[in-house]
Amino acid sequence: LLTYSMFDYSISKLIYIAGANALAGIIGMLAFFSPSGIGVREGIIVVLLTQAIPSSEASFLAIMYRLWFVFVFQLLSVIALKIILYYHNKQ
């Protein structure tokens, strides 16, 4: 959905992009030398996506995916903290 909101790609390209993102995420998790797969995940995404879209768009998407990942992680952390504090203060 993030990609679709920025670029008007066909469904087949979006499916390829989603698969490339999933594969890059798995490889990023397996890269133990890199915390949270930073750099590895983006590199794999760029390499895979340049097969289907221009490299400038692939690089932009790799950066946007990382920013989105960090934003969602922080949002969920804040929600979890609020829930923990709510139940802690309730006791």
PDB file of N, CA and C in Angstrom:
ATOM      1  N   LEU A   1       0.814  -1.199   0.000  1.00  0.00           N
ATOM      2  CA  LEU A   1       0.000   0.000   0.000  1.00  0.00           C
ATOM      3  C   LEU A   1       0.858   1.263   0.000  1.00  0.00           C
ATOM      4  N   LEU A   2       1.978   1.203   0.692  1.00  0.00           N
ATOM      5  CA  LEU A   2       2.882   2.355   0.699  1.00  0.00           C
ATOM      6  C   LEU A   2       3.391   2.632  -0.717  1.00  0.00           C
ATOM      7  N   THR A   3       3.796   1.589  -1.401  1.00  0.00           N
ATOM      8  CA  THR A   3       4.287   1.749  -2.775  1.00  0.00           C
ATOM      9  C   THR A   3       3.186   2.232  -3.699  1.00  0.00           C
ATOM     10  N   TYR A   4       2.012   1.647  -3.556  1.00  0.00           N
ATOM     11  CA  TYR A   4       0.876   2.009  -4.413  1.00  0.00           C
ATOM     12  C   TYR A   4       0.458   3.463  -4.190  1.00  0.00           C
ATOM     13  N   SER A   5       0.630   3.958  -2.967  1.00  0.00           N
ATOM     14  CA  SER A   5       0.250   5.343  -2.688  1.00  0.00           C
ATOM     15  C   SER A   5       1.204   6.344  -3.352  1.00  0.00           C
ATOM     16  N   MET A   6       2.423   5.902  -3.676  1.00  0.00           N
ATOM     17  CA  MET A   6       3.404   6.818  -4.260  1.00  0.00           C
ATOM     18  C   MET A   6       3.573   6.655  -5.768  1.00  0.00           C
ATOM     19  N   PHE A   7       3.414   5.417  -6.261  1.00  0.00           N
ATOM     20  CA  PHE A   7       3.639   5.140  -7.682  1.00  0.00           C
ATOM     21  C   PHE A   7       2.458   4.363  -8.243  1.00  0.00           C
ATOM     22  N   ASP A   8       2.201   4.561  -9.499  1.00  0.00           N
ATOM     23  CA  ASP A   8       1.088   3.872 -10.152  1.00  0.00           C
ATOM     24  C   ASP A   8       1.631   2.679 -10.946  1.00  0.00           C
ATOM     25  N   TYR A   9       1.918   1.598 -10.226  1.00  0.00           N
ATOM     26  CA  TYR A   9       2.431   0.386 -10.850  1.00  0.00           C
ATOM     27  C   TYR A   9       1.296  -0.600 -11.078  1.00  0.00           C
ATOM     28  N   SER A  10       1.522  -1.520 -12.004  1.00  0.00           N
ATOM     29  CA  SER A  10       0.541  -2.574 -12.239  1.00  0.00           C
ATOM     30  C   SER A  10       0.556  -3.559 -11.064  1.00  0.00           C
ATOM     31  N   ILE A  11      -0.486  -4.353 -10.991  1.00  0.00           N
ATOM     32  CA  ILE A  11      -0.604  -5.335  -9.912  1.00  0.00           C
ATOM     33  C   ILE A  11       0.556  -6.325  -9.950  1.00  0.00           C
ATOM     34  N   SER A  12       0.971  -6.747 -11.130  1.00  0.00           N
ATOM     35  CA  SER A  12       2.069  -7.714 -11.217  1.00  0.00           C
ATOM     36  C   SER A  12       3.364  -7.123 -10.650  1.00  0.00           C
ATOM     37  N   LYS A  13       3.624  -5.830 -10.912  1.00  0.00           N
ATOM     38  CA  LYS A  13       4.812  -5.192 -10.345  1.00  0.00           C
ATOM     39  C   LYS A  13       4.677  -5.048  -8.835  1.00  0.00           C
ATOM     40  N   LEU A  14       3.478  -4.731  -8.360  1.00  0.00           N
ATOM     41  CA  LEU A  14       3.270  -4.595  -6.919  1.00  0.00           C
ATOM     42  C   LEU A  14       3.480  -5.927  -6.203  1.00  0.00           C
ATOM     43  N   ILE A  15       3.064  -7.012  -6.813  1.00  0.00           N
ATOM     44  CA  ILE A  15       3.276  -8.336  -6.224  1.00  0.00           C
ATOM     45  C   ILE A  15       4.771  -8.640  -6.183  1.00  0.00           C
ATOM     46  N   TYR A  16       5.492  -8.322  -7.243  1.00  0.00           N
ATOM     47  CA  TYR A  16       6.942  -8.518  -7.271  1.00  0.00           C
ATOM     48  C   TYR A  16       7.612  -7.668  -6.191  1.00  0.00           C
ATOM     49  N   ILE A  17       7.185  -6.417  -6.054  1.00  0.00           N
ATOM     50  CA  ILE A  17       7.759  -5.517  -5.056  1.00  0.00           C
ATOM     51  C   ILE A  17       7.494  -6.044  -3.647  1.00  0.00           C
ATOM     52  N   ALA A  18       6.285  -6.539  -3.408  1.00  0.00           N
ATOM     53  CA  ALA A  18       5.963  -7.100  -2.088  1.00  0.00           C
ATOM     54  C   ALA A  18       6.829  -8.324  -1.792  1.00  0.00           C
ATOM     55  N   GLY A  19       7.029  -9.176  -2.779  1.00  0.00           N
ATOM     56  CA  GLY A  19       7.885 -10.347  -2.601  1.00  0.00           C
ATOM     57  C   GLY A  19       9.337  -9.959  -2.354  1.00  0.00           C
ATOM     58  N   ALA A  20       9.812  -8.956  -3.083  1.00  0.00           N
ATOM     59  CA  ALA A  20      11.186  -8.484  -2.882  1.00  0.00           C
ATOM     60  C   ALA A  20      11.352  -7.900  -1.482  1.00  0.00           C
ATOM     61  N   ASN A  21      10.354  -7.182  -1.022  1.00  0.00           N
ATOM     62  CA  ASN A  21      10.399  -6.604   0.322  1.00  0.00           C
ATOM     63  C   ASN A  21      10.406  -7.701   1.380  1.00  0.00           C
ATOM     64  N   ALA A  22       9.602  -8.731   1.197  1.00  0.00           N
ATOM     65  CA  ALA A  22       9.569  -9.845   2.142  1.00  0.00           C
ATOM     66  C   ALA A  22      10.909 -10.586   2.162  1.00  0.00           C
ATOM     67  N   LEU A  23      11.456 -10.874   0.995  1.00  0.00           N
ATOM     68  CA  LEU A  23      12.739 -11.564   0.911  1.00  0.00           C
ATOM     69  C   LEU A  23      13.856 -10.727   1.539  1.00  0.00           C
ATOM     70  N   ALA A  24      13.844  -9.427   1.286  1.00  0.00           N
ATOM     71  CA  ALA A  24      14.851  -8.546   1.873  1.00  0.00           C
ATOM     72  C   ALA A  24      14.714  -8.501   3.393  1.00  0.00           C
ATOM     73  N   GLY A  25      13.493  -8.542   3.893  1.00  0.00           N
ATOM     74  CA  GLY A  25      13.281  -8.567   5.333  1.00  0.00           C
ATOM     75  C   GLY A  25      13.841  -9.821   5.975  1.00  0.00           C
ATOM     76  N   ILE A  26      13.636 -10.959   5.319  1.00  0.00           N
ATOM     77  CA  ILE A  26      14.158 -12.229   5.838  1.00  0.00           C
ATOM     78  C   ILE A  26      15.690 -12.216   5.829  1.00  0.00           C
ATOM     79  N   ILE A  27      16.269 -11.786   4.725  1.00  0.00           N
ATOM     80  CA  ILE A  27      17.729 -11.737   4.637  1.00  0.00           C
ATOM     81  C   ILE A  27      18.290 -10.736   5.640  1.00  0.00           C
ATOM     82  N   GLY A  28      17.584  -9.617   5.840  1.00  0.00           N
ATOM     83  CA  GLY A  28      18.022  -8.636   6.825  1.00  0.00           C
ATOM     84  C   GLY A  28      18.016  -9.195   8.240  1.00  0.00           C
ATOM     85  N   MET A  29      17.026 -10.032   8.561  1.00  0.00           N
ATOM     86  CA  MET A  29      16.992 -10.650   9.889  1.00  0.00           C
ATOM     87  C   MET A  29      18.107 -11.668  10.067  1.00  0.00           C
ATOM     88  N   LEU A  30      18.496 -12.312   8.993  1.00  0.00           N
ATOM     89  CA  LEU A  30      19.551 -13.316   9.064  1.00  0.00           C
ATOM     90  C   LEU A  30      20.950 -12.700   9.092  1.00  0.00           C
ATOM     91  N   ALA A  31      21.059 -11.432   8.787  1.00  0.00           N
ATOM     92  CA  ALA A  31      22.356 -10.745   8.807  1.00  0.00           C
ATOM     93  C   ALA A  31      22.662 -10.338  10.249  1.00  0.00           C
ATOM     94  N   PHE A  32      23.301 -11.240  10.990  1.00  0.00           N
ATOM     95  CA  PHE A  32      23.553 -11.009  12.403  1.00  0.00           C
ATOM     96  C   PHE A  32      24.565  -9.898  12.660  1.00  0.00           C
ATOM     97  N   PHE A  33      25.375  -9.583  11.684  1.00  0.00           N
ATOM     98  CA  PHE A  33      26.389  -8.541  11.833  1.00  0.00           C
ATOM     99  C   PHE A  33      25.800  -7.140  11.741  1.00  0.00           C
ATOM    100  N   SER A  34      24.535  -7.035  11.352  1.00  0.00           N
ATOM    101  CA  SER A  34      23.898  -5.741  11.149  1.00  0.00           C
ATOM    102  C   SER A  34      22.674  -5.619  12.054  1.00  0.00           C
ATOM    103  N   PRO A  35      22.647  -4.636  12.941  1.00  0.00           N
ATOM    104  CA  PRO A  35      21.490  -4.500  13.827  1.00  0.00           C
ATOM    105  C   PRO A  35      20.223  -4.173  13.042  1.00  0.00           C
ATOM    106  N   SER A  36      19.225  -5.003  13.234  1.00  0.00           N
ATOM    107  CA  SER A  36      17.930  -4.866  12.560  1.00  0.00           C
ATOM    108  C   SER A  36      18.063  -4.915  11.035  1.00  0.00           C
ATOM    109  N   GLY A  37      19.146  -5.474  10.545  1.00  0.00           N
ATOM    110  CA  GLY A  37      19.338  -5.625   9.105  1.00  0.00           C
ATOM    111  C   GLY A  37      19.539  -4.324   8.364  1.00  0.00           C
ATOM    112  N   ILE A  38      19.898  -3.269   9.091  1.00  0.00           N
ATOM    113  CA  ILE A  38      20.031  -1.959   8.455  1.00  0.00           C
ATOM    114  C   ILE A  38      21.152  -1.987   7.419  1.00  0.00           C
ATOM    115  N   GLY A  39      20.858  -1.503   6.274  1.00  0.00           N
ATOM    116  CA  GLY A  39      21.811  -1.513   5.169  1.00  0.00           C
ATOM    117  C   GLY A  39      21.677  -2.752   4.314  1.00  0.00           C
ATOM    118  N   VAL A  40      21.599  -3.904   4.957  1.00  0.00           N
ATOM    119  CA  VAL A  40      21.456  -5.164   4.216  1.00  0.00           C
ATOM    120  C   VAL A  40      20.084  -5.212   3.550  1.00  0.00           C
ATOM    121  N   ARG A  41      19.065  -4.924   4.327  1.00  0.00           N
ATOM    122  CA  ARG A  41      17.692  -4.966   3.812  1.00  0.00           C
ATOM    123  C   ARG A  41      17.507  -3.977   2.658  1.00  0.00           C
ATOM    124  N   GLU A  42      18.005  -2.780   2.841  1.00  0.00           N
ATOM    125  CA  GLU A  42      17.858  -1.763   1.799  1.00  0.00           C
ATOM    126  C   GLU A  42      18.633  -2.138   0.543  1.00  0.00           C
ATOM    127  N   GLY A  43      19.839  -2.684   0.736  1.00  0.00           N
ATOM    128  CA  GLY A  43      20.636  -3.102  -0.419  1.00  0.00           C
ATOM    129  C   GLY A  43      19.953  -4.199  -1.223  1.00  0.00           C
ATOM    130  N   ILE A  44      19.397  -5.179  -0.528  1.00  0.00           N
ATOM    131  CA  ILE A  44      18.693  -6.267  -1.213  1.00  0.00           C
ATOM    132  C   ILE A  44      17.471  -5.726  -1.936  1.00  0.00           C
ATOM    133  N   ILE A  45      16.735  -4.826  -1.294  1.00  0.00           N
ATOM    134  CA  ILE A  45      15.550  -4.247  -1.939  1.00  0.00           C
ATOM    135  C   ILE A  45      15.944  -3.527  -3.220  1.00  0.00           C
ATOM    136  N   VAL A  46      17.000  -2.710  -3.156  1.00  0.00           N
ATOM    137  CA  VAL A  46      17.420  -1.969  -4.349  1.00  0.00           C
ATOM    138  C   VAL A  46      17.848  -2.921  -5.460  1.00  0.00           C
ATOM    139  N   VAL A  47      18.633  -3.941  -5.118  1.00  0.00           N
ATOM    140  CA  VAL A  47      19.095  -4.898  -6.127  1.00  0.00           C
ATOM    141  C   VAL A  47      17.911  -5.612  -6.779  1.00  0.00           C
ATOM    142  N   LEU A  48      16.959  -6.050  -5.970  1.00  0.00           N
ATOM    143  CA  LEU A  48      15.818  -6.783  -6.525  1.00  0.00           C
ATOM    144  C   LEU A  48      14.867  -5.871  -7.295  1.00  0.00           C
ATOM    145  N   LEU A  49      14.628  -4.676  -6.790  1.00  0.00           N
ATOM    146  CA  LEU A  49      13.657  -3.801  -7.436  1.00  0.00           C
ATOM    147  C   LEU A  49      14.172  -3.184  -8.732  1.00  0.00           C
ATOM    148  N   THR A  50      15.491  -3.048  -8.864  1.00  0.00           N
ATOM    149  CA  THR A  50      16.006  -2.486 -10.124  1.00  0.00           C
ATOM    150  C   THR A  50      15.763  -3.426 -11.297  1.00  0.00           C
ATOM    151  N   GLN A  51      15.355  -4.651 -11.009  1.00  0.00           N
ATOM    152  CA  GLN A  51      14.989  -5.571 -12.084  1.00  0.00           C
ATOM    153  C   GLN A  51      13.633  -5.199 -12.687  1.00  0.00           C
ATOM    154  N   ALA A  52      12.807  -4.463 -11.925  1.00  0.00           N
ATOM    155  CA  ALA A  52      11.449  -4.171 -12.380  1.00  0.00           C
ATOM    156  C   ALA A  52      11.152  -2.685 -12.537  1.00  0.00           C
ATOM    157  N   ILE A  53      11.863  -1.837 -11.792  1.00  0.00           N
ATOM    158  CA  ILE A  53      11.589  -0.398 -11.826  1.00  0.00           C
ATOM    159  C   ILE A  53      12.918   0.357 -11.904  1.00  0.00           C
ATOM    160  N   PRO A  54      12.879   1.643 -12.231  1.00  0.00           N
ATOM    161  CA  PRO A  54      14.127   2.424 -12.303  1.00  0.00           C
ATOM    162  C   PRO A  54      14.849   2.467 -10.956  1.00  0.00           C
ATOM    163  N   SER A  55      16.160   2.572 -11.001  1.00  0.00           N
ATOM    164  CA  SER A  55      16.969   2.512  -9.775  1.00  0.00           C
ATOM    165  C   SER A  55      16.691   3.679  -8.834  1.00  0.00           C
ATOM    166  N   SER A  56      16.360   4.843  -9.364  1.00  0.00           N
ATOM    167  CA  SER A  56      16.057   5.977  -8.486  1.00  0.00           C
ATOM    168  C   SER A  56      14.799   5.704  -7.666  1.00  0.00           C
ATOM    169  N   GLU A  57      13.791   5.109  -8.292  1.00  0.00           N
ATOM    170  CA  GLU A  57      12.567   4.766  -7.575  1.00  0.00           C
ATOM    171  C   GLU A  57      12.812   3.632  -6.594  1.00  0.00           C
ATOM    172  N   ALA A  58      13.668   2.689  -6.970  1.00  0.00           N
ATOM    173  CA  ALA A  58      13.991   1.576  -6.070  1.00  0.00           C
ATOM    174  C   ALA A  58      14.708   2.088  -4.824  1.00  0.00           C
ATOM    175  N   SER A  59      15.637   3.010  -5.004  1.00  0.00           N
ATOM    176  CA  SER A  59      16.351   3.583  -3.862  1.00  0.00           C
ATOM    177  C   SER A  59      15.406   4.374  -2.965  1.00  0.00           C
ATOM    178  N   PHE A  60      14.529   5.148  -3.575  1.00  0.00           N
ATOM    179  CA  PHE A  60      13.547   5.911  -2.808  1.00  0.00           C
ATOM    180  C   PHE A  60      12.642   4.986  -2.006  1.00  0.00           C
ATOM    181  N   LEU A  61      12.187   3.909  -2.628  1.00  0.00           N
ATOM    182  CA  LEU A  61      11.325   2.965  -1.920  1.00  0.00           C
ATOM    183  C   LEU A  61      12.056   2.278  -0.775  1.00  0.00           C
ATOM    184  N   ALA A  62      13.320   1.942  -0.966  1.00  0.00           N
ATOM    185  CA  ALA A  62      14.085   1.309   0.110  1.00  0.00           C
ATOM    186  C   ALA A  62      14.180   2.229   1.319  1.00  0.00           C
ATOM    187  N   ILE A  63      14.415   3.506   1.087  1.00  0.00           N
ATOM    188  CA  ILE A  63      14.479   4.469   2.186  1.00  0.00           C
ATOM    189  C   ILE A  63      13.112   4.633   2.836  1.00  0.00           C
ATOM    190  N   MET A  64      12.066   4.711   2.032  1.00  0.00           N
ATOM    191  CA  MET A  64      10.722   4.863   2.577  1.00  0.00           C
ATOM    192  C   MET A  64      10.305   3.646   3.391  1.00  0.00           C
ATOM    193  N   TYR A  65      10.673   2.450   2.944  1.00  0.00           N
ATOM    194  CA  TYR A  65      10.344   1.241   3.706  1.00  0.00           C
ATOM    195  C   TYR A  65      11.016   1.268   5.065  1.00  0.00           C
ATOM    196  N   ARG A  66      12.283   1.698   5.126  1.00  0.00           N
ATOM    197  CA  ARG A  66      12.990   1.761   6.406  1.00  0.00           C
ATOM    198  C   ARG A  66      12.347   2.800   7.322  1.00  0.00           C
ATOM    199  N   LEU A  67      12.015   3.968   6.779  1.00  0.00           N
ATOM    200  CA  LEU A  67      11.374   5.001   7.595  1.00  0.00           C
ATOM    201  C   LEU A  67      10.014   4.527   8.104  1.00  0.00           C
ATOM    202  N   TRP A  68       9.256   3.856   7.245  1.00  0.00           N
ATOM    203  CA  TRP A  68       7.956   3.337   7.648  1.00  0.00           C
ATOM    204  C   TRP A  68       8.118   2.274   8.732  1.00  0.00           C
ATOM    205  N   PHE A  69       9.096   1.407   8.591  1.00  0.00           N
ATOM    206  CA  PHE A  69       9.365   0.364   9.578  1.00  0.00           C
ATOM    207  C   PHE A  69       9.694   0.985  10.938  1.00  0.00           C
ATOM    208  N   VAL A  70      10.541   2.001  10.947  1.00  0.00           N
ATOM    209  CA  VAL A  70      10.926   2.664  12.194  1.00  0.00           C
ATOM    210  C   VAL A  70       9.722   3.380  12.803  1.00  0.00           C
ATOM    211  N   PHE A  71       8.932   4.057  11.977  1.00  0.00           N
ATOM    212  CA  PHE A  71       7.753   4.764  12.472  1.00  0.00           C
ATOM    213  C   PHE A  71       6.757   3.809  13.118  1.00  0.00           C
ATOM    214  N   VAL A  72       6.455   2.715  12.454  1.00  0.00           N
ATOM    215  CA  VAL A  72       5.492   1.749  12.992  1.00  0.00           C
ATOM    216  C   VAL A  72       6.034   1.117  14.270  1.00  0.00           C
ATOM    217  N   PHE A  73       7.314   0.782  14.299  1.00  0.00           N
ATOM    218  CA  PHE A  73       7.914   0.207  15.492  1.00  0.00           C
ATOM    219  C   PHE A  73       7.805   1.172  16.669  1.00  0.00           C
ATOM    220  N   GLN A  74       8.100   2.437  16.438  1.00  0.00           N
ATOM    221  CA  GLN A  74       8.004   3.434  17.511  1.00  0.00           C
ATOM    222  C   GLN A  74       6.560   3.634  17.961  1.00  0.00           C
ATOM    223  N   LEU A  75       5.638   3.663  17.026  1.00  0.00           N
ATOM    224  CA  LEU A  75       4.222   3.813  17.363  1.00  0.00           C
ATOM    225  C   LEU A  75       3.740   2.653  18.227  1.00  0.00           C
ATOM    226  N   LEU A  76       4.084   1.435  17.833  1.00  0.00           N
ATOM    227  CA  LEU A  76       3.679   0.272  18.616  1.00  0.00           C
ATOM    228  C   LEU A  76       4.350   0.256  19.983  1.00  0.00           C
ATOM    229  N   SER A  77       5.562   0.740  20.073  1.00  0.00           N
ATOM    230  CA  SER A  77       6.247   0.826  21.364  1.00  0.00           C
ATOM    231  C   SER A  77       5.537   1.803  22.298  1.00  0.00           C
ATOM    232  N   VAL A  78       5.119   2.933  21.774  1.00  0.00           N
ATOM    233  CA  VAL A  78       4.402   3.916  22.584  1.00  0.00           C
ATOM    234  C   VAL A  78       3.057   3.347  23.043  1.00  0.00           C
ATOM    235  N   ILE A  79       2.350   2.658  22.165  1.00  0.00           N
ATOM    236  CA  ILE A  79       1.073   2.046  22.535  1.00  0.00           C
ATOM    237  C   ILE A  79       1.278   0.992  23.619  1.00  0.00           C
ATOM    238  N   ALA A  80       2.295   0.157  23.467  1.00  0.00           N
ATOM    239  CA  ALA A  80       2.579  -0.871  24.477  1.00  0.00           C
ATOM    240  C   ALA A  80       2.942  -0.228  25.812  1.00  0.00           C
ATOM    241  N   LEU A  81       3.723   0.843  25.787  1.00  0.00           N
ATOM    242  CA  LEU A  81       4.091   1.533  27.017  1.00  0.00           C
ATOM    243  C   LEU A  81       2.865   2.119  27.708  1.00  0.00           C
ATOM    244  N   LYS A  82       1.974   2.712  26.931  1.00  0.00           N
ATOM    245  CA  LYS A  82       0.748   3.276  27.511  1.00  0.00           C
ATOM    246  C   LYS A  82      -0.097   2.179  28.154  1.00  0.00           C
ATOM    247  N   ILE A  83      -0.201   1.023  27.508  1.00  0.00           N
ATOM    248  CA  ILE A  83      -0.970  -0.085  28.068  1.00  0.00           C
ATOM    249  C   ILE A  83      -0.328  -0.585  29.355  1.00  0.00           C
ATOM    250  N   ILE A  84       0.984  -0.729  29.342  1.00  0.00           N
ATOM    251  CA  ILE A  84       1.689  -1.198  30.540  1.00  0.00           C
ATOM    252  C   ILE A  84       1.505  -0.208  31.687  1.00  0.00           C
ATOM    253  N   LEU A  85       1.662   1.076  31.413  1.00  0.00           N
ATOM    254  CA  LEU A  85       1.505   2.082  32.464  1.00  0.00           C
ATOM    255  C   LEU A  85       0.071   2.136  32.974  1.00  0.00           C
ATOM    256  N   TYR A  86      -0.886   1.981  32.084  1.00  0.00           N
ATOM    257  CA  TYR A  86      -2.297   1.973  32.489  1.00  0.00           C
ATOM    258  C   TYR A  86      -2.569   0.838  33.473  1.00  0.00           C
ATOM    259  N   TYR A  87      -2.134  -0.365  33.142  1.00  0.00           N
ATOM    260  CA  TYR A  87      -2.382  -1.495  34.024  1.00  0.00           C
ATOM    261  C   TYR A  87      -1.516  -1.453  35.288  1.00  0.00           C
ATOM    262  N   HIS A  88      -0.351  -0.871  35.206  1.00  0.00           N
ATOM    263  CA  HIS A  88       0.509  -0.735  36.378  1.00  0.00           C
ATOM    264  C   HIS A  88      -0.099   0.250  37.376  1.00  0.00           C
ATOM    265  N   ASN A  89      -0.627   1.364  36.880  1.00  0.00           N
ATOM    266  CA  ASN A  89      -1.247   2.367  37.758  1.00  0.00           C
ATOM    267  C   ASN A  89      -2.600   1.921  38.282  1.00  0.00           C
ATOM    268  N   LYS A  90      -3.224   0.983  37.593  1.00  0.00           N
ATOM    269  CA  LYS A  90      -4.533   0.472  38.012  1.00  0.00           C
ATOM    270  C   LYS A  90      -4.415  -0.398  39.259  1.00  0.00           C
ATOM    271  N   GLN A  91      -3.272  -1.022  39.465  1.00  0.00           N
ATOM    272  CA  GLN A  91      -3.096  -1.935  40.604  1.00  0.00           C
ATOM    273  C   GLN A  91      -2.832  -1.186  41.819  1.00  0.00           C
TER     274      GLN A  91
END
